[in-house]
Protein backbone atom coordinates (compact mmCIF):
# COMPACT_ATOMS: atom_id res chain seq x y z
CA MET A 1 0.00 0.00 0.00
CA ARG A 2 3.01 2.24 0.44
CA ALA A 3 4.06 1.80 -3.25
CA LEU A 4 1.73 4.45 -4.60
CA PRO A 5 3.13 7.34 -2.55
CA THR A 6 6.64 6.18 -3.48
CA ALA A 7 5.74 6.16 -7.15
CA GLY A 8 4.10 9.53 -6.78
CA LEU A 9 7.18 10.91 -5.06
CA LEU A 10 9.41 9.51 -7.85
CA GLY A 11 7.17 11.16 -10.44
CA LEU A 12 7.40 14.46 -8.63
CA THR A 13 11.18 14.09 -8.38
CA LEU A 14 11.48 13.40 -12.11
CA LEU A 15 9.20 16.35 -12.84
CA CYS A 16 11.41 18.55 -10.69
CA LEU A 17 14.54 17.33 -12.45
CA VAL A 18 13.04 18.07 -15.86
CA ALA A 19 11.85 21.48 -14.73
CA CYS A 20 15.20 22.28 -13.16
CA SER A 21 17.12 21.23 -16.27
CA THR A 22 15.12 23.59 -18.46
CA ALA A 23 14.86 26.45 -15.98
CA PRO A 24 16.59 29.70 -16.92
CA LYS A 25 20.10 30.05 -15.57
CA PRO A 26 20.44 32.36 -12.56
CA ARG A 27 21.13 35.97 -13.48
CA THR A 28 24.49 35.96 -11.68
CA GLU A 29 25.67 32.93 -13.68
CA VAL A 30 24.70 34.58 -16.97
CA VAL A 31 26.61 37.75 -16.08
CA GLU A 32 29.64 35.78 -14.90
CA ARG A 33 29.80 33.73 -18.10
CA LYS A 34 29.38 36.82 -20.28
CA ASN A 35 32.21 38.47 -18.35
CA ARG A 36 34.40 35.38 -18.78
CA ALA A 37 33.63 35.37 -22.51
CA ALA A 38 34.67 39.02 -22.74
CA GLU A 39 37.91 38.31 -20.88
CA TYR A 40 38.70 35.35 -23.13
CA ALA A 41 38.01 37.56 -26.16
CA ARG A 42 40.42 40.22 -24.87
CA SER A 43 43.11 37.58 -24.33
CA GLY A 44 42.45 36.20 -27.81
CA ASN A 45 42.79 39.66 -29.35
CA ALA A 46 46.11 40.17 -27.55
CA ARG A 47 47.43 36.83 -28.81
CA PHE A 48 46.18 37.58 -32.31
CA ALA A 49 48.03 40.90 -32.32
CA GLN A 50 51.22 39.06 -31.40
CA GLY A 51 50.77 36.61 -34.27
CA ASP A 52 50.19 33.71 -31.85
CA TYR A 53 47.28 32.26 -33.80
CA GLU A 54 47.10 28.93 -31.97
CA GLN A 55 46.58 30.59 -28.59
CA ALA A 56 44.21 33.12 -30.16
CA LEU A 57 42.07 30.27 -31.47
CA SER A 58 42.02 28.65 -28.04
CA PHE A 59 40.86 31.82 -26.31
CA PHE A 60 38.24 32.64 -28.94
CA ASN A 61 36.85 29.10 -28.69
CA LEU A 62 36.63 29.49 -24.92
CA ALA A 63 34.75 32.76 -25.43
CA LEU A 64 32.41 31.05 -27.90
CA ASN A 65 31.67 28.24 -25.45
CA GLU A 66 30.83 30.71 -22.67
CA ASN A 67 28.51 32.65 -24.98
CA ILE A 68 26.80 29.48 -26.20
CA ALA A 69 26.31 28.28 -22.61
CA VAL A 70 24.08 31.28 -21.83
CA ASP A 71 22.66 31.61 -25.37
CA HIS A 72 24.18 35.09 -25.75
CA GLU A 73 23.68 35.43 -29.48
CA PRO A 74 25.46 38.79 -30.00
CA GLY A 75 28.45 37.30 -28.19
CA ILE A 76 28.24 34.15 -30.31
CA ALA A 77 28.29 36.23 -33.50
CA SER A 78 31.27 38.23 -32.23
CA SER A 79 33.11 34.99 -31.41
CA TYR A 80 32.42 33.65 -34.90
CA ASN A 81 33.92 36.82 -36.36
CA SER A 82 36.98 36.52 -34.14
CA LEU A 83 37.52 32.88 -35.09
CA GLY A 84 37.09 33.76 -38.75
CA LYS A 85 39.75 36.48 -38.49
CA VAL A 86 42.25 33.98 -37.09
CA HIS A 87 41.55 31.43 -39.83
CA LEU A 88 41.89 34.16 -42.45
CA ALA A 89 45.24 35.23 -41.00
CA ARG A 90 46.37 31.58 -41.01
CA GLY A 91 45.60 31.27 -44.71
CA GLU A 92 42.48 29.15 -44.20
CA PRO A 93 39.81 31.12 -46.11
CA ALA A 94 37.26 28.30 -46.30
CA GLN A 95 37.04 28.02 -42.51
CA ALA A 96 37.03 31.81 -42.20
CA GLU A 97 34.14 32.10 -44.63
CA THR A 98 32.10 29.57 -42.66
CA TYR A 99 32.48 31.57 -39.46
CA PHE A 100 31.88 34.98 -41.09
CA THR A 101 28.79 33.72 -42.93
CA GLU A 102 27.29 32.30 -39.75
CA ALA A 103 28.08 35.54 -37.92
CA LEU A 104 26.27 37.54 -40.62
CA ARG A 105 23.27 35.19 -40.50
CA LEU A 106 22.97 35.71 -36.74
CA ALA A 107 23.51 39.46 -37.06
CA ASN A 108 20.74 39.76 -39.66
CA ARG A 109 18.35 37.79 -37.48
CA LEU A 110 19.15 40.02 -34.51
CA ALA A 111 18.90 43.14 -36.72
CA ASP A 112 22.12 44.26 -35.01
CA ARG A 113 23.65 46.91 -37.27
CA ARG A 114 27.05 46.81 -35.57
CA LEU A 115 27.32 43.05 -36.02
CA ILE A 116 26.00 43.23 -39.59
CA ALA A 117 28.67 45.82 -40.39
CA GLN A 118 31.40 43.78 -38.69
CA SER A 119 30.45 40.49 -40.35
CA ALA A 120 29.91 41.97 -43.81
CA SER A 121 33.21 43.86 -43.58
CA ASN A 122 35.01 40.64 -42.67
CA LEU A 123 33.46 38.86 -45.65
CA GLY A 124 34.48 41.78 -47.83
CA GLU A 125 38.06 41.47 -46.60
CA LEU A 126 38.02 37.72 -47.29
CA HIS A 127 36.82 38.14 -50.88
CA LEU A 128 39.33 40.94 -51.34
CA GLU A 129 42.15 38.58 -50.38
CA ARG A 130 40.81 36.05 -52.87
CA GLY A 131 40.85 38.71 -55.59
CA GLU A 132 37.06 38.55 -55.92
CA LEU A 133 36.64 42.31 -56.09
CA ASP A 134 32.96 42.40 -57.07
CA ARG A 135 31.95 40.14 -54.17
CA ALA A 136 34.18 42.17 -51.85
CA GLN A 137 32.48 45.37 -52.96
CA GLU A 138 29.03 43.85 -52.41
CA TYR A 139 29.80 43.02 -48.78
CA LEU A 140 31.68 46.25 -48.07
CA GLU A 141 28.78 48.30 -49.42
CA LEU A 142 26.46 46.35 -47.12
CA ALA A 143 28.79 47.14 -44.21
CA ALA A 144 29.00 50.83 -45.16
CA ALA A 145 25.19 51.05 -45.38
CA GLN A 146 25.01 50.41 -41.63
CA LEU A 147 27.22 53.40 -40.76
CA PRO A 148 24.59 56.19 -40.69
CA ALA A 149 22.78 54.47 -37.81
CA MET A 150 25.96 53.71 -35.86
CA ASP A 151 28.47 55.46 -33.66
CA PRO A 152 31.01 56.91 -36.15
CA GLY A 153 33.85 55.09 -34.44
CA ASP A 154 32.05 51.79 -34.00
CA GLU A 155 33.39 49.55 -36.79
CA ALA A 156 33.53 52.58 -39.10
CA ALA A 157 37.31 52.76 -39.15
CA ILE A 158 37.61 49.10 -40.12
CA ILE A 159 35.06 49.52 -42.91
CA TYR A 160 36.85 52.61 -44.25
CA HIS A 161 40.13 50.70 -44.12
CA ASN A 162 38.71 47.75 -46.06
CA LEU A 163 37.08 50.08 -48.58
CA GLY A 164 40.46 51.73 -49.02
CA SER A 165 42.02 48.34 -49.70
CA LEU A 166 39.36 47.61 -52.32
CA LEU A 167 39.86 50.98 -54.03
CA LYS A 168 43.61 50.44 -54.04
CA ARG A 169 43.13 47.08 -55.77
CA ARG A 170 40.99 48.86 -58.38
CA ASP A 171 43.84 51.38 -58.82
CA ARG A 172 41.69 54.28 -57.58
CA LEU A 173 44.54 55.51 -55.44
CA GLU A 174 43.37 58.99 -54.42
CA GLU A 175 39.98 57.64 -53.32
CA ALA A 176 41.74 54.85 -51.44
CA LEU A 177 44.00 57.36 -49.72
CA GLU A 178 40.98 59.34 -48.56
CA ARG A 179 39.36 56.23 -47.05
CA PHE A 180 42.55 55.32 -45.19
CA ARG A 181 42.78 58.88 -43.87
CA GLN A 182 39.18 58.67 -42.64
CA ALA A 183 40.01 55.46 -40.80
CA LEU A 184 43.21 56.98 -39.40
CA ALA A 185 41.40 60.07 -38.05
CA ILE A 186 38.91 57.89 -36.14
CA ASN A 187 41.58 55.58 -34.76
CA LEU A 188 43.87 58.41 -33.62
CA GLU A 189 40.96 60.22 -31.97
CA ARG A 190 40.01 57.07 -30.08
CA LYS A 191 43.64 56.15 -29.35
CA ARG A 192 43.33 52.83 -31.17
CA LEU A 193 47.01 52.94 -32.00
CA GLU A 194 47.37 49.44 -33.40
CA GLU A 195 44.63 50.10 -35.94
CA ALA A 196 46.13 53.52 -36.72
CA ALA A 197 49.44 51.81 -37.45
CA SER A 198 47.68 49.61 -40.00
CA ASN A 199 46.18 52.74 -41.62
CA TYR A 200 49.62 54.36 -41.84
CA TYR A 201 50.99 51.15 -43.38
CA MET A 202 48.41 51.24 -46.17
CA ILE A 203 48.89 54.98 -46.71
CA GLY A 204 52.59 54.25 -47.14
CA SER A 205 51.81 51.51 -49.65
CA ILE A 206 49.78 53.94 -51.76
CA TYR A 207 52.52 56.59 -51.73
CA SER A 208 54.94 53.87 -52.77
CA LYS A 209 52.67 52.85 -55.64
CA GLN A 210 52.46 56.50 -56.69
CA GLY A 211 56.26 56.67 -56.75
CA ASP A 212 56.57 59.00 -53.74
CA THR A 213 59.13 56.98 -51.78
CA GLY A 214 59.86 59.78 -49.28
CA GLU A 215 56.21 60.10 -48.20
CA ALA A 216 55.93 56.32 -48.12
CA ILE A 217 58.90 56.03 -45.75
CA GLU A 218 57.45 58.74 -43.50
CA ALA A 219 54.10 56.92 -43.28
CA LEU A 220 55.80 53.56 -42.62
CA ASN A 221 57.92 55.10 -39.85
CA GLN A 222 54.71 56.39 -38.24
CA ALA A 223 53.29 52.86 -38.44
CA LEU A 224 56.46 51.44 -36.93
CA HIS A 225 56.41 53.97 -34.08
CA LEU A 226 52.83 53.08 -33.14
CA ASP A 227 53.38 49.33 -33.45
CA ARG A 228 56.39 49.61 -31.17
CA LEU A 229 54.35 51.58 -28.63
CA MET A 230 51.75 48.80 -28.65
CA GLU A 231 54.39 46.03 -28.68
CA HIS A 232 52.62 44.65 -31.74
CA SER A 233 55.26 42.20 -32.92
CA LEU A 234 53.60 41.16 -36.16
CA GLY A 235 52.97 44.77 -37.14
CA ILE A 236 56.58 45.71 -36.37
CA ALA A 237 57.85 42.90 -38.58
CA LYS A 238 55.61 43.96 -41.48
CA ASP A 239 56.58 47.62 -41.11
CA LEU A 240 60.28 46.77 -41.13
CA GLY A 241 59.88 44.52 -44.16
CA ALA A 242 58.08 47.27 -46.07
CA LEU A 243 60.70 49.84 -45.05
CA GLY A 244 63.39 47.48 -46.32
CA MET A 245 61.74 47.45 -49.73
CA LEU A 246 61.53 51.25 -49.75
CA TYR A 247 65.19 51.66 -48.78
CA GLU A 248 66.05 49.17 -51.52
CA LYS A 249 64.04 51.27 -53.97
CA GLN A 250 66.01 54.33 -52.83
CA GLY A 251 69.25 52.52 -53.61
CA ASP A 252 70.34 52.12 -49.99
CA PRO A 253 71.24 48.40 -49.57
CA PRO A 254 72.75 48.69 -46.04
CA ARG A 255 69.57 50.29 -44.60
CA ALA A 256 67.42 47.83 -46.51
CA LEU A 257 69.49 44.95 -45.12
CA GLU A 258 69.14 46.25 -41.56
CA SER A 259 65.34 46.52 -41.88
CA TYR A 260 65.02 43.07 -43.47
CA ARG A 261 67.31 41.61 -40.81
CA LYS A 262 65.18 42.95 -37.93
CA SER A 263 61.99 41.80 -39.66
CA LEU A 264 63.42 38.30 -40.09
CA GLN A 265 64.34 38.05 -36.42
CA ILE A 266 60.80 38.91 -35.34
CA TYR A 267 59.23 36.44 -37.77
CA GLN A 268 61.61 33.76 -36.49
CA SER A 269 60.63 34.54 -32.88
CA LEU A 270 56.95 34.20 -33.85
CA GLY A 271 57.56 30.92 -35.66
CA LEU A 272 56.14 32.23 -38.95
CA ALA A 273 58.10 30.05 -41.37
CA GLY A 274 56.28 31.34 -44.45
CA GLU A 275 57.31 34.93 -43.76
CA VAL A 276 60.88 33.85 -43.04
CA GLU A 277 60.99 32.00 -46.37
CA ARG A 278 59.62 35.07 -48.19
CA LEU A 279 62.26 37.37 -46.69
CA LEU A 280 65.35 35.21 -47.24
CA PRO A 281 65.84 35.96 -50.98
CA LEU A 282 65.63 39.70 -50.20
CA LEU A 283 68.16 39.33 -47.39
CA ILE A 284 70.54 37.37 -49.60
CA ALA A 285 70.38 40.00 -52.33
CA MET A 286 70.87 42.92 -49.93
CA ALA A 287 73.69 41.20 -48.03
CA GLU A 288 75.53 40.62 -51.28
CA ARG A 289 74.99 44.21 -52.45
CA SER A 290 76.16 45.48 -49.05
CA GLY A 291 79.38 43.44 -49.25
CA GLU A 292 78.29 41.05 -46.47
CA ALA A 293 79.28 37.78 -48.15
CA ASP A 294 79.33 35.73 -44.93
CA GLU A 295 75.87 36.94 -43.97
CA ALA A 296 74.54 36.13 -47.45
CA ALA A 297 76.00 32.62 -47.13
CA ALA A 298 74.29 32.18 -43.73
CA TYR A 299 70.94 33.14 -45.26
CA ARG A 300 71.47 30.69 -48.12
CA LEU A 301 72.12 27.93 -45.60
CA LEU A 302 68.98 28.86 -43.70
CA GLN A 303 67.04 28.85 -46.99
CA ALA A 304 68.35 25.38 -47.88
CA LYS A 305 67.38 24.04 -44.44
CA GLY A 306 63.89 25.46 -44.87
CA LYS A 307 63.45 23.79 -48.25
CA GLY A 308 64.67 20.52 -46.80
CA LYS A 309 61.85 20.55 -44.27
CA GLN A 310 59.15 20.89 -46.95
């Protein structure tokens, strides 16, 4: 006769378990997990800036997991964009496109203009790297269309920068220069020095393309100064490599060699074998032209070792 109450109690217990499993998470837990996601994202951004893509991926995945755990869809979309940026930087465009596309799908469903702009701009950058200029323009125009309803500094500088890159590829250099200057003004005003360094780098590349080597060197030195302030190793290496090319164009092999040499050392410290391999022929040529035969021989040996590992 005591079985029925027991069965009833078991039913109530199961009902409670089901209800508890589907109950909303406590507010404090949601806030804590969102905060953890934000902290992981900050750590991922720092690692990404240093060129440490493996660690960046780990942190961005941790951020994604925290956002998924509390169904924080804006955070999920942001994490997808971050993961896509890492895959794009690693030369994995297919994976990057998957993340960016999913981020844009979520952003559209949320009607979040900032996330739409961010995701569309990332897709524009991806197609730009592929040389698909019409597709790039389509996404960048979508991103730019969100700007009137947004804070001028919120994603705007990135969109202007990407539009500048597109215009440069279309050989519309003066228009490109104006877009990079718009991005630079926003980034300097908001003290986003790492992004400003990237703007200066592209401004320098346009001056170089226009044949104004002096202005190009001045812009690249501004980029280098800001990247050094921010301890942005990857940016420093790129700036030095570009300066090496400009000094070479000026007919100054010793200064070109010094810039290439410093760039190589940073790429080696970051473990970026592809960049090291790209620089070695330039270093060999400049070492020879500078009368540094032993140094040129050392670079040839390093080049041979690199080819042996392939």
